[in-house]
Amino acid sequence: MNIDMELAIISDAHLLQTYTQVFNPIDDFIKVLKEIDSRDPEAIVFAGDMFDKRKTTTAPVLHPEGEQIMTDIRNFLTGIGSPIYAIRGNHEDARVLRGLDQTVETFHYICDDWVPVDNVSIYCLETRYEKAYSRKNLEESLDQVFSELEGLNDEEHSILLSHETFIPGKREFPVDLRTQLCSKFDLVLNGHLRFFKPDAGEDGNVAFLPALLPSKLRQGDYWQEKYEWNAEKSDFEKKTRKSPFGYILVDDDLTLEFCPFDPSIKIVDLNVETTNLSQGEVRSRFQHMLDGLSERNDSDKVAVTPRVTGEAKFAVSLLRDIPDQYDDLLVDTILDETEKSETGLTSKGQVEMPLLTVEGLKDRIIESTNEIDSYLSDEEGLEVDEERLKVVTNDLMKGGVLEKGSGERVNDYIRNSLLKFFSALRDEGLLNQTPEDFDKYLKEKLNEVNY
């Protein structure tokens, strides 16, 4: 690689939302930064979501614990020789970045502005992923960027630094504007997607940036070891690969180099195909693989992400107790990626009906906050504070909102539970526009649903 000019790009460490039970992500973060700093790059660039504002998808980082960690990070960053430029990711609080900007001399939080580095001009695009914005205002701001691009001299390279989703969805940056924007730059470096893919985009000038460290947000994608057990096989197949985590180096010819980093935790993905297998057979296969992992010398540095695929003839929720049997391993909840069988029969002819327990109903509601938000805002025209919806929903479900009365029919229980849930959201101030007779309104809506 040409070393006349070198940029180091890191993204998506998701500090505070990682496997903190078995490894300290801050120690790994510091280790990577020391490695980068030893190269004496022209600049270090944070491409978003370095400092997560949530510990889980529903629990925010409390100020005391966040401040303690950020104090350690500030003290460390003060000793970094290269300037650091950062954009905000959708999981970050801008106040954290502003705090670093104000307290660390070499740290710069850049929002919709340019950064000149040697013969490269970098435009740091503020993420539009979480915030509502008008297309007109976005078009006007992009027109300004295009005008400024024309002012660059012919010897300067242009880089767009962004943190947007390139996958179709609710919060997608408008495709036509994104295509137009990317086509104007020599290179686009985009965080958020958490896997390294160069030569992407319509013009092949987009690079998706890898995650620096593992986080719980990408179950099944971060693996360094994978155990796959095909339903027809008598044993599992083991696969290994190099670490998908790391950072990117960019030289003055805009050549990219992926530098993998081995975190102090190893992600092991377990996948059991359930087709034509009974619950007992699937359970036995998971236990066989987990028994082997628990006997390893590095079992205290292993994080397991179990999944089931194929066609299930039983309720996968019946397997949820398996991770609790292995106190010496960090095992995530078993992820259900199955297709449901129509017969409800196992290979042994036993009927295993899908069960929805009270706890299962609570879990489904917690996991469905995005769908609830979309329904209320898109279908019913109600204004919803999505972030508070997630937090309050979690609190309500862990409380006593859903309690089954004796003798209550299941259908009535589900309807009444959802009625109480939405009424509680209204009482918590989550729904800012609701009909006056909200309970009557909800009953009419719920009566339209078949359970």
Protein backbone atom coordinates (compact mmCIF):
# COMPACT_ATOMS: atom_id res chain seq x y z
CA MET A 1 0.00 0.00 0.00
CA ASN A 2 1.18 3.52 -0.80
CA ILE A 3 2.04 5.15 2.53
CA ASP A 4 2.38 8.79 1.40
CA MET A 5 -1.08 9.31 2.88
CA GLU A 6 -3.04 6.89 4.99
CA LEU A 7 -6.49 7.13 6.55
CA ALA A 8 -7.71 4.64 9.14
CA ILE A 9 -11.49 4.09 9.08
CA ILE A 10 -13.31 2.35 11.94
CA SER A 11 -17.03 1.85 12.39
CA ASP A 12 -19.74 0.21 14.48
CA ALA A 13 -17.93 -0.77 17.66
CA HIS A 14 -21.30 -0.43 19.47
CA LEU A 15 -19.52 0.01 22.77
CA LEU A 16 -21.86 -0.74 25.70
CA GLN A 17 -24.02 -3.03 23.56
CA THR A 18 -21.55 -5.89 23.37
CA TYR A 19 -20.91 -9.15 25.17
CA THR A 20 -19.70 -7.45 28.33
CA GLN A 21 -20.32 -10.58 30.41
CA VAL A 22 -17.27 -12.32 28.98
CA PHE A 23 -15.04 -9.61 27.58
CA ASN A 24 -14.36 -5.93 27.99
CA PRO A 25 -15.01 -4.18 24.66
CA ILE A 26 -13.26 -1.05 25.92
CA ASP A 27 -10.00 -3.00 26.30
CA ASP A 28 -10.36 -4.30 22.73
CA PHE A 29 -11.20 -0.81 21.47
CA ILE A 30 -8.07 0.60 23.09
CA LYS A 31 -5.98 -2.25 21.69
CA VAL A 32 -7.16 -1.50 18.14
CA LEU A 33 -6.59 2.25 18.50
CA LYS A 34 -3.06 1.66 19.76
CA GLU A 35 -2.40 -0.56 16.75
CA ILE A 36 -3.72 2.12 14.40
CA ASP A 37 -1.88 4.94 16.18
CA SER A 38 1.42 3.07 15.79
CA ARG A 39 1.02 3.44 12.01
CA ASP A 40 0.89 7.24 12.40
CA PRO A 41 -1.99 7.71 9.92
CA GLU A 42 -2.85 11.11 8.51
CA ALA A 43 -6.22 10.85 10.26
CA ILE A 44 -8.46 8.38 12.08
CA VAL A 45 -12.10 8.42 11.03
CA PHE A 46 -15.04 7.14 13.10
CA ALA A 47 -17.84 6.22 10.68
CA GLY A 48 -20.66 6.09 13.23
CA ASP A 49 -22.07 3.93 16.04
CA MET A 50 -18.86 3.80 18.02
CA PHE A 51 -20.53 4.71 21.33
CA ASP A 52 -23.94 3.08 21.67
CA LYS A 53 -26.63 4.83 23.69
CA ARG A 54 -28.38 1.54 24.51
CA LYS A 55 -27.18 -1.59 26.28
CA THR A 56 -29.87 -3.68 24.62
CA THR A 57 -32.52 -2.87 22.04
CA THR A 58 -34.76 -1.59 24.85
CA ALA A 59 -32.51 -0.58 27.78
CA PRO A 60 -30.71 2.77 27.55
CA VAL A 61 -27.25 3.35 29.00
CA LEU A 62 -27.65 5.09 32.34
CA HIS A 63 -25.70 8.30 32.77
CA PRO A 64 -23.46 7.16 35.68
CA GLU A 65 -22.25 4.00 33.94
CA GLY A 66 -21.89 5.76 30.58
CA GLU A 67 -19.93 8.65 32.09
CA GLN A 68 -17.54 6.30 33.88
CA ILE A 69 -16.67 4.53 30.63
CA MET A 70 -16.48 7.74 28.59
CA THR A 71 -14.05 9.20 31.14
CA ASP A 72 -11.69 6.29 30.47
CA ILE A 73 -12.14 6.72 26.72
CA ARG A 74 -11.49 10.48 26.89
CA ASN A 75 -8.31 9.92 28.85
CA PHE A 76 -7.10 7.39 26.29
CA LEU A 77 -8.02 9.43 23.19
CA THR A 78 -6.10 12.39 24.57
CA GLY A 79 -2.91 10.43 23.94
CA ILE A 80 -3.67 9.60 20.29
CA GLY A 81 -1.36 11.54 17.98
CA SER A 82 -3.48 11.61 14.81
CA PRO A 83 -6.57 13.80 14.48
CA ILE A 84 -9.86 11.94 14.86
CA TYR A 85 -12.92 12.88 12.80
CA ALA A 86 -16.30 11.37 13.69
CA ILE A 87 -19.82 11.29 12.30
CA ARG A 88 -22.87 10.20 14.28
CA GLY A 89 -24.48 6.81 13.77
CA ASN A 90 -28.13 6.00 14.38
CA HIS A 91 -27.31 4.32 17.71
CA GLU A 92 -25.34 7.29 19.01
CA ASP A 93 -26.24 10.32 21.07
CA ALA A 94 -24.77 13.48 19.53
CA ARG A 95 -24.13 14.82 23.04
CA VAL A 96 -21.49 12.12 23.60
CA LEU A 97 -19.65 13.14 20.42
CA ARG A 98 -19.91 16.83 21.28
CA GLY A 99 -18.50 16.05 24.72
CA LEU A 100 -15.45 14.39 23.18
CA ASP A 101 -15.11 17.30 20.75
CA GLN A 102 -15.02 19.74 23.67
CA THR A 103 -12.66 17.76 25.92
CA VAL A 104 -10.23 16.01 23.55
CA GLU A 105 -8.15 18.43 21.49
CA THR A 106 -7.65 16.07 18.55
CA PHE A 107 -11.27 14.81 18.41
CA HIS A 108 -13.66 16.50 15.96
CA TYR A 109 -17.37 15.74 15.59
CA ILE A 110 -18.30 16.68 12.02
CA CYS A 111 -21.92 17.12 10.93
CA ASP A 112 -22.73 17.83 7.26
CA ASP A 113 -19.38 19.45 6.59
CA TRP A 114 -16.04 18.94 4.85
CA VAL A 115 -12.72 17.76 6.27
CA PRO A 116 -9.54 18.28 4.21
CA VAL A 117 -6.87 15.60 4.73
CA ASP A 118 -3.77 15.88 2.55
CA ASN A 119 -4.97 15.51 -1.06
CA VAL A 120 -8.42 14.24 -0.04
CA SER A 121 -11.59 16.14 0.85
CA ILE A 122 -14.03 14.16 3.00
CA TYR A 123 -17.68 15.13 3.27
CA CYS A 124 -19.13 13.92 6.59
CA LEU A 125 -22.84 13.29 6.08
CA GLU A 126 -25.02 13.42 9.20
CA THR A 127 -27.12 10.26 9.36
CA ARG A 128 -30.76 10.61 8.34
CA TYR A 129 -31.61 7.10 9.51
CA GLU A 130 -33.46 7.99 12.72
CA LYS A 131 -34.50 11.58 12.17
CA ALA A 132 -37.49 12.69 10.17
CA TYR A 133 -36.55 15.01 7.32
CA SER A 134 -38.28 16.60 4.38
CA ARG A 135 -37.20 15.62 0.91
CA LYS A 136 -37.13 19.26 -0.12
CA ASN A 137 -34.65 20.19 2.62
CA LEU A 138 -32.55 17.14 1.80
CA GLU A 139 -32.44 18.04 -1.88
CA GLU A 140 -31.40 21.60 -1.03
CA SER A 141 -28.58 20.40 1.25
CA LEU A 142 -27.35 17.98 -1.43
CA ASP A 143 -27.39 20.73 -4.05
CA GLN A 144 -25.04 22.65 -1.77
CA VAL A 145 -22.74 19.61 -1.54
CA PHE A 146 -22.71 19.25 -5.33
CA SER A 147 -21.82 22.91 -5.70
CA GLU A 148 -18.94 22.57 -3.25
CA LEU A 149 -17.70 19.45 -5.05
CA GLU A 150 -17.31 21.46 -8.23
CA GLY A 151 -15.00 23.80 -6.34
CA LEU A 152 -12.43 21.07 -5.61
CA ASN A 153 -9.27 21.19 -7.69
CA ASP A 154 -8.54 18.41 -10.16
CA GLU A 155 -5.81 16.89 -7.98
CA GLU A 156 -8.08 16.38 -4.98
CA HIS A 157 -9.92 13.13 -4.33
CA SER A 158 -13.40 13.28 -2.84
CA ILE A 159 -14.72 10.87 -0.21
CA LEU A 160 -18.26 10.69 1.15
CA LEU A 161 -18.46 9.37 4.72
CA SER A 162 -21.96 8.18 5.61
CA HIS A 163 -23.92 5.95 7.97
CA GLU A 164 -27.05 4.95 6.06
CA THR A 165 -28.86 1.76 5.16
CA PHE A 166 -28.55 0.61 1.55
CA ILE A 167 -31.21 -2.04 2.18
CA PRO A 168 -34.83 -1.25 1.19
CA GLY A 169 -36.87 -0.37 4.24
CA LYS A 170 -38.75 2.24 6.19
CA ARG A 171 -35.76 4.48 6.93
CA GLU A 172 -33.93 4.10 3.66
CA PHE A 173 -32.21 7.19 2.29
CA PRO A 174 -34.18 7.97 -0.92
CA VAL A 175 -32.67 5.71 -3.57
CA ASP A 176 -32.59 8.28 -6.36
CA LEU A 177 -30.90 10.88 -4.15
CA ARG A 178 -28.47 8.34 -2.75
CA THR A 179 -27.52 7.17 -6.25
CA GLN A 180 -27.01 10.74 -7.41
CA LEU A 181 -24.97 11.60 -4.31
CA CYS A 182 -22.70 8.55 -4.52
CA SER A 183 -22.03 9.10 -8.22
CA LYS A 184 -20.50 12.50 -7.51
CA PHE A 185 -17.76 11.18 -5.21
CA ASP A 186 -14.63 9.21 -6.02
CA LEU A 187 -15.22 6.94 -3.01
CA VAL A 188 -18.09 6.37 -0.57
CA LEU A 189 -17.35 4.85 2.85
CA ASN A 190 -20.58 3.74 4.51
CA GLY A 191 -20.99 2.35 8.02
CA HIS A 192 -24.15 0.88 9.59
CA LEU A 193 -24.27 -2.42 7.67
CA ARG A 194 -21.40 -3.94 9.72
CA PHE A 195 -19.76 -6.11 7.08
CA PHE A 196 -16.94 -5.32 4.67
CA LYS A 197 -17.90 -5.17 1.03
CA PRO A 198 -15.82 -3.08 -1.40
CA ASP A 199 -16.90 -2.16 -4.92
CA ALA A 200 -20.59 -1.91 -4.01
CA GLY A 201 -23.18 0.56 -5.27
CA GLU A 202 -24.36 1.28 -8.79
CA ASP A 203 -20.95 2.67 -9.81
CA GLY A 204 -18.84 0.28 -7.75
CA ASN A 205 -17.38 3.16 -5.72
CA VAL A 206 -19.14 2.33 -2.42
CA ALA A 207 -17.45 0.38 0.36
CA PHE A 208 -19.52 -1.04 3.22
CA LEU A 209 -17.43 -0.87 6.37
CA PRO A 210 -16.90 -3.80 8.75
CA ALA A 211 -17.86 -3.73 12.41
CA LEU A 212 -14.86 -3.06 14.59
CA LEU A 213 -16.15 -5.30 17.41
CA PRO A 214 -18.95 -7.84 17.92
CA SER A 215 -22.32 -6.75 19.23
CA LYS A 216 -25.61 -8.54 19.88
CA LEU A 217 -27.27 -6.83 16.96
CA ARG A 218 -26.01 -9.27 14.34
CA GLN A 219 -26.81 -12.72 15.66
CA GLY A 220 -25.78 -15.33 13.11
CA ASP A 221 -23.58 -12.99 11.05
CA TYR A 222 -20.56 -12.38 13.25
CA TRP A 223 -19.39 -15.97 13.61
CA GLN A 224 -15.78 -17.08 13.58
CA GLU A 225 -16.80 -20.71 14.07
CA LYS A 226 -20.01 -22.26 12.79
CA TYR A 227 -21.54 -25.63 13.68
CA GLU A 228 -24.21 -26.72 11.20
CA TRP A 229 -26.27 -29.86 11.77
CA ASN A 230 -28.28 -30.92 8.74
CA ALA A 231 -31.48 -32.75 9.65
CA GLU A 232 -30.46 -35.83 7.65
CA LYS A 233 -26.92 -36.02 9.02
CA SER A 234 -25.77 -38.01 12.05
CA ASP A 235 -23.31 -35.32 13.16
CA PHE A 236 -22.64 -31.62 12.69
CA GLU A 237 -20.20 -29.94 10.31
CA LYS A 238 -17.76 -27.39 11.71
CA LYS A 239 -16.58 -24.35 9.73
CA THR A 240 -14.08 -21.65 10.66
CA ARG A 241 -13.16 -18.34 9.06
CA LYS A 242 -10.98 -15.33 9.68
CA SER A 243 -12.32 -12.59 11.89
CA PRO A 244 -14.96 -10.43 10.14
CA PHE A 245 -14.10 -7.58 12.53
CA GLY A 246 -11.51 -4.91 11.89
CA TYR A 247 -10.83 -1.59 10.22
CA ILE A 248 -10.00 -0.15 6.80
CA LEU A 249 -6.90 1.68 5.59
CA VAL A 250 -7.20 4.09 2.65
CA ASP A 251 -4.12 5.36 0.81
CA ASP A 252 -3.75 8.44 -1.39
CA ASP A 253 -4.82 6.45 -4.46
CA LEU A 254 -8.03 5.51 -2.59
CA THR A 255 -6.95 1.87 -2.43
CA LEU A 256 -8.62 0.00 0.43
CA GLU A 257 -7.02 -2.55 2.74
CA PHE A 258 -9.04 -4.56 5.26
CA CYS A 259 -7.15 -5.13 8.51
CA PRO A 260 -8.87 -7.90 10.49
CA PHE A 261 -8.92 -7.78 14.28
CA ASP A 262 -9.38 -10.78 16.57
CA PRO A 263 -11.49 -9.65 19.53
CA SER A 264 -10.94 -11.25 22.91
CA ILE A 265 -14.19 -13.15 22.44
CA LYS A 266 -14.97 -15.79 19.80
CA ILE A 267 -18.45 -15.93 18.27
CA VAL A 268 -19.67 -19.49 17.63
CA ASP A 269 -22.84 -19.91 15.58
CA LEU A 270 -24.92 -23.08 16.08
CA ASN A 271 -27.50 -24.01 13.45
CA VAL A 272 -29.76 -27.05 13.80
CA GLU A 273 -32.11 -27.88 10.93
CA THR A 274 -35.41 -29.14 12.35
CA THR A 275 -37.09 -30.66 9.28
CA ASN A 276 -38.70 -34.03 10.20
CA LEU A 277 -37.11 -33.95 13.66
CA SER A 278 -38.94 -34.02 16.97
CA GLN A 279 -38.40 -31.49 19.70
CA GLY A 280 -36.43 -34.10 21.66
CA GLU A 281 -34.10 -34.79 18.73
CA VAL A 282 -33.40 -31.09 18.16
CA ARG A 283 -32.86 -30.57 21.88
CA SER A 284 -30.39 -33.47 21.98
CA ARG A 285 -28.40 -32.03 19.07
CA PHE A 286 -28.10 -28.62 20.68
CA GLN A 287 -27.01 -30.19 23.96
CA HIS A 288 -24.39 -32.33 22.21
CA MET A 289 -22.78 -29.27 20.58
CA LEU A 290 -23.00 -27.14 23.74
CA ASP A 291 -21.51 -29.94 25.85
CA GLY A 292 -18.49 -29.95 23.55
CA LEU A 293 -18.11 -26.17 23.72
CA SER A 294 -18.33 -26.13 27.52
CA GLU A 295 -15.40 -28.58 27.69
CA ARG A 296 -13.08 -26.31 25.70
CA ASN A 297 -10.20 -24.55 27.45
CA ASP A 298 -11.43 -21.21 26.08
CA SER A 299 -15.08 -21.74 27.02
CA ASP A 300 -15.01 -18.56 29.12
CA LYS A 301 -14.18 -16.57 25.98
CA VAL A 302 -16.86 -18.06 23.74
CA ALA A 303 -20.21 -16.47 22.88
CA VAL A 304 -22.73 -18.82 21.29
CA THR A 305 -25.49 -17.72 18.91
CA PRO A 306 -27.88 -20.70 18.44
CA ARG A 307 -30.44 -20.87 15.62
CA VAL A 308 -32.99 -23.33 14.29
CA THR A 309 -33.90 -23.52 10.61
CA GLY A 310 -35.94 -25.78 8.36
CA GLU A 311 -39.56 -26.82 8.94
CA ALA A 312 -40.51 -27.07 12.61
CA LYS A 313 -43.30 -29.37 13.77
CA PHE A 314 -43.25 -28.00 17.30
CA ALA A 315 -43.05 -24.64 19.04
CA VAL A 316 -39.42 -23.51 19.05
CA SER A 317 -40.18 -21.65 22.29
CA LEU A 318 -40.08 -25.07 23.98
CA LEU A 319 -36.28 -25.01 23.47
CA ARG A 320 -35.75 -21.72 25.26
CA ASP A 321 -34.59 -23.35 28.49
CA ILE A 322 -31.52 -24.93 26.84
CA PRO A 323 -29.19 -21.89 27.16
CA ASP A 324 -29.96 -21.71 30.90
CA GLN A 325 -28.42 -25.16 31.37
CA TYR A 326 -24.92 -23.87 30.54
CA ASP A 327 -23.77 -21.41 33.19
CA ASP A 328 -20.16 -21.66 31.99
CA LEU A 329 -21.05 -20.41 28.49
CA LEU A 330 -22.60 -17.21 27.21
CA VAL A 331 -25.46 -18.56 25.08
CA ASP A 332 -27.94 -16.25 23.37
CA THR A 333 -31.64 -16.99 23.11
CA ILE A 334 -32.31 -19.56 20.39
CA LEU A 335 -33.24 -17.67 17.23
CA ASP A 336 -36.25 -19.08 15.39
CA GLU A 337 -35.70 -19.04 11.61
CA THR A 338 -37.98 -21.98 10.86
CA GLU A 339 -40.95 -22.49 8.60
CA LYS A 340 -43.94 -23.80 10.52
CA SER A 341 -45.33 -27.21 9.66
CA GLU A 342 -49.03 -27.47 8.85
CA THR A 343 -49.48 -30.92 10.39
CA GLY A 344 -48.22 -30.29 13.90
CA LEU A 345 -46.87 -33.88 13.96
CA THR A 346 -43.34 -34.92 14.86
CA SER A 347 -41.50 -37.73 13.11
CA LYS A 348 -42.67 -40.00 15.94
CA GLY A 349 -46.32 -39.14 15.34
CA GLN A 350 -46.70 -37.10 18.52
CA VAL A 351 -48.80 -33.95 18.40
CA GLU A 352 -46.86 -30.94 19.68
CA MET A 353 -49.10 -27.89 19.53
CA PRO A 354 -47.46 -24.46 19.38
CA LEU A 355 -47.83 -22.84 22.81
CA LEU A 356 -48.16 -19.15 23.55
CA THR A 357 -47.51 -18.59 27.22
CA VAL A 358 -48.01 -15.30 29.04
CA GLU A 359 -44.24 -14.79 28.95
CA GLY A 360 -44.24 -15.66 25.26
CA LEU A 361 -46.91 -13.04 24.58
CA LYS A 362 -44.86 -10.46 26.47
CA ASP A 363 -41.74 -11.36 24.47
CA ARG A 364 -43.63 -11.07 21.20
CA ILE A 365 -44.94 -7.62 22.10
CA ILE A 366 -41.45 -6.45 23.15
CA GLU A 367 -39.99 -7.77 19.88
CA SER A 368 -42.74 -6.09 17.83
CA THR A 369 -42.24 -2.45 18.80
CA ASN A 370 -41.10 -1.56 15.26
CA GLU A 371 -44.26 -3.11 13.81
CA ILE A 372 -46.40 -1.40 16.47
CA ASP A 373 -44.76 1.93 15.65
CA SER A 374 -45.27 1.41 11.90
CA TYR A 375 -48.93 0.43 12.34
CA LEU A 376 -49.79 3.32 14.63
CA SER A 377 -47.97 5.92 12.55
CA ASP A 378 -48.55 4.67 9.00
CA GLU A 379 -51.98 3.04 9.26
CA GLU A 380 -53.65 5.04 12.03
CA GLY A 381 -51.88 8.38 11.64
CA LEU A 382 -50.88 8.55 15.31
CA GLU A 383 -47.71 10.30 16.43
CA VAL A 384 -45.45 7.91 18.34
CA ASP A 385 -42.12 8.51 20.09
CA GLU A 386 -40.41 5.32 18.89
CA GLU A 387 -37.47 5.37 21.31
CA ARG A 388 -39.71 5.81 24.35
CA LEU A 389 -42.09 3.21 22.93
CA LYS A 390 -39.32 0.59 23.15
CA VAL A 391 -38.30 1.53 26.68
CA VAL A 392 -41.84 1.83 28.07
CA THR A 393 -42.99 -1.36 26.32
CA ASN A 394 -40.18 -3.30 27.97
CA ASP A 395 -41.05 -1.86 31.39
CA LEU A 396 -44.77 -2.57 30.96
CA MET A 397 -44.18 -6.16 29.89
CA LYS A 398 -41.88 -6.81 32.85
CA GLY A 399 -44.53 -5.35 35.13
CA GLY A 400 -48.07 -6.52 35.77
CA VAL A 401 -49.86 -5.20 32.70
CA LEU A 402 -50.61 -8.66 31.34
CA GLU A 403 -52.16 -10.94 33.94
CA LYS A 404 -54.56 -13.72 33.03
CA GLY A 405 -57.73 -13.87 35.05
CA SER A 406 -59.07 -17.22 36.21
CA GLY A 407 -61.54 -18.75 33.79
CA GLU A 408 -60.79 -16.17 31.11
CA ARG A 409 -61.01 -17.52 27.56
CA VAL A 410 -57.74 -17.37 25.61
CA ASN A 411 -59.13 -15.17 22.82
CA ASP A 412 -60.66 -12.78 25.33
CA TYR A 413 -57.43 -12.77 27.31
CA ILE A 414 -55.33 -11.78 24.29
CA ARG A 415 -57.78 -9.05 23.28
CA ASN A 416 -58.02 -7.71 26.82
CA SER A 417 -54.25 -7.87 27.26
CA LEU A 418 -53.61 -5.85 24.12
CA LEU A 419 -56.32 -3.41 25.17
CA LYS A 420 -54.62 -2.92 28.54
CA PHE A 421 -51.24 -2.60 26.84
CA PHE A 422 -52.30 0.16 24.44
CA SER A 423 -54.25 1.92 27.18
CA ALA A 424 -51.08 1.86 29.29
CA LEU A 425 -49.12 3.37 26.40
CA ARG A 426 -51.73 6.12 26.20
CA ASP A 427 -51.43 6.72 29.95
CA GLU A 428 -47.64 6.88 29.65
CA GLY A 429 -47.96 9.67 27.10
CA LEU A 430 -46.59 7.59 24.22
CA LEU A 431 -49.55 8.28 21.95
CA ASN A 432 -49.82 12.00 21.34
CA GLN A 433 -52.94 11.94 19.16
CA THR A 434 -55.74 9.56 20.14
CA PRO A 435 -59.53 9.57 19.95
CA GLU A 436 -61.26 10.78 23.10
CA ASP A 437 -62.84 7.39 23.79
CA PHE A 438 -59.59 5.49 23.32
CA ASP A 439 -60.75 2.24 24.95
CA LYS A 440 -63.79 2.04 22.68
CA TYR A 441 -61.60 2.80 19.66
CA LEU A 442 -59.19 0.00 20.56
CA LYS A 443 -61.97 -2.52 21.15
CA GLU A 444 -63.34 -1.82 17.68
CA LYS A 445 -59.88 -2.29 16.18
CA LEU A 446 -59.16 -5.47 18.12
CA ASN A 447 -62.51 -6.97 17.16
CA GLU A 448 -61.34 -6.77 13.54
CA VAL A 449 -58.48 -9.14 14.36
CA ASN A 450 -58.88 -12.93 14.35
CA TYR A 451 -56.86 -14.78 16.99
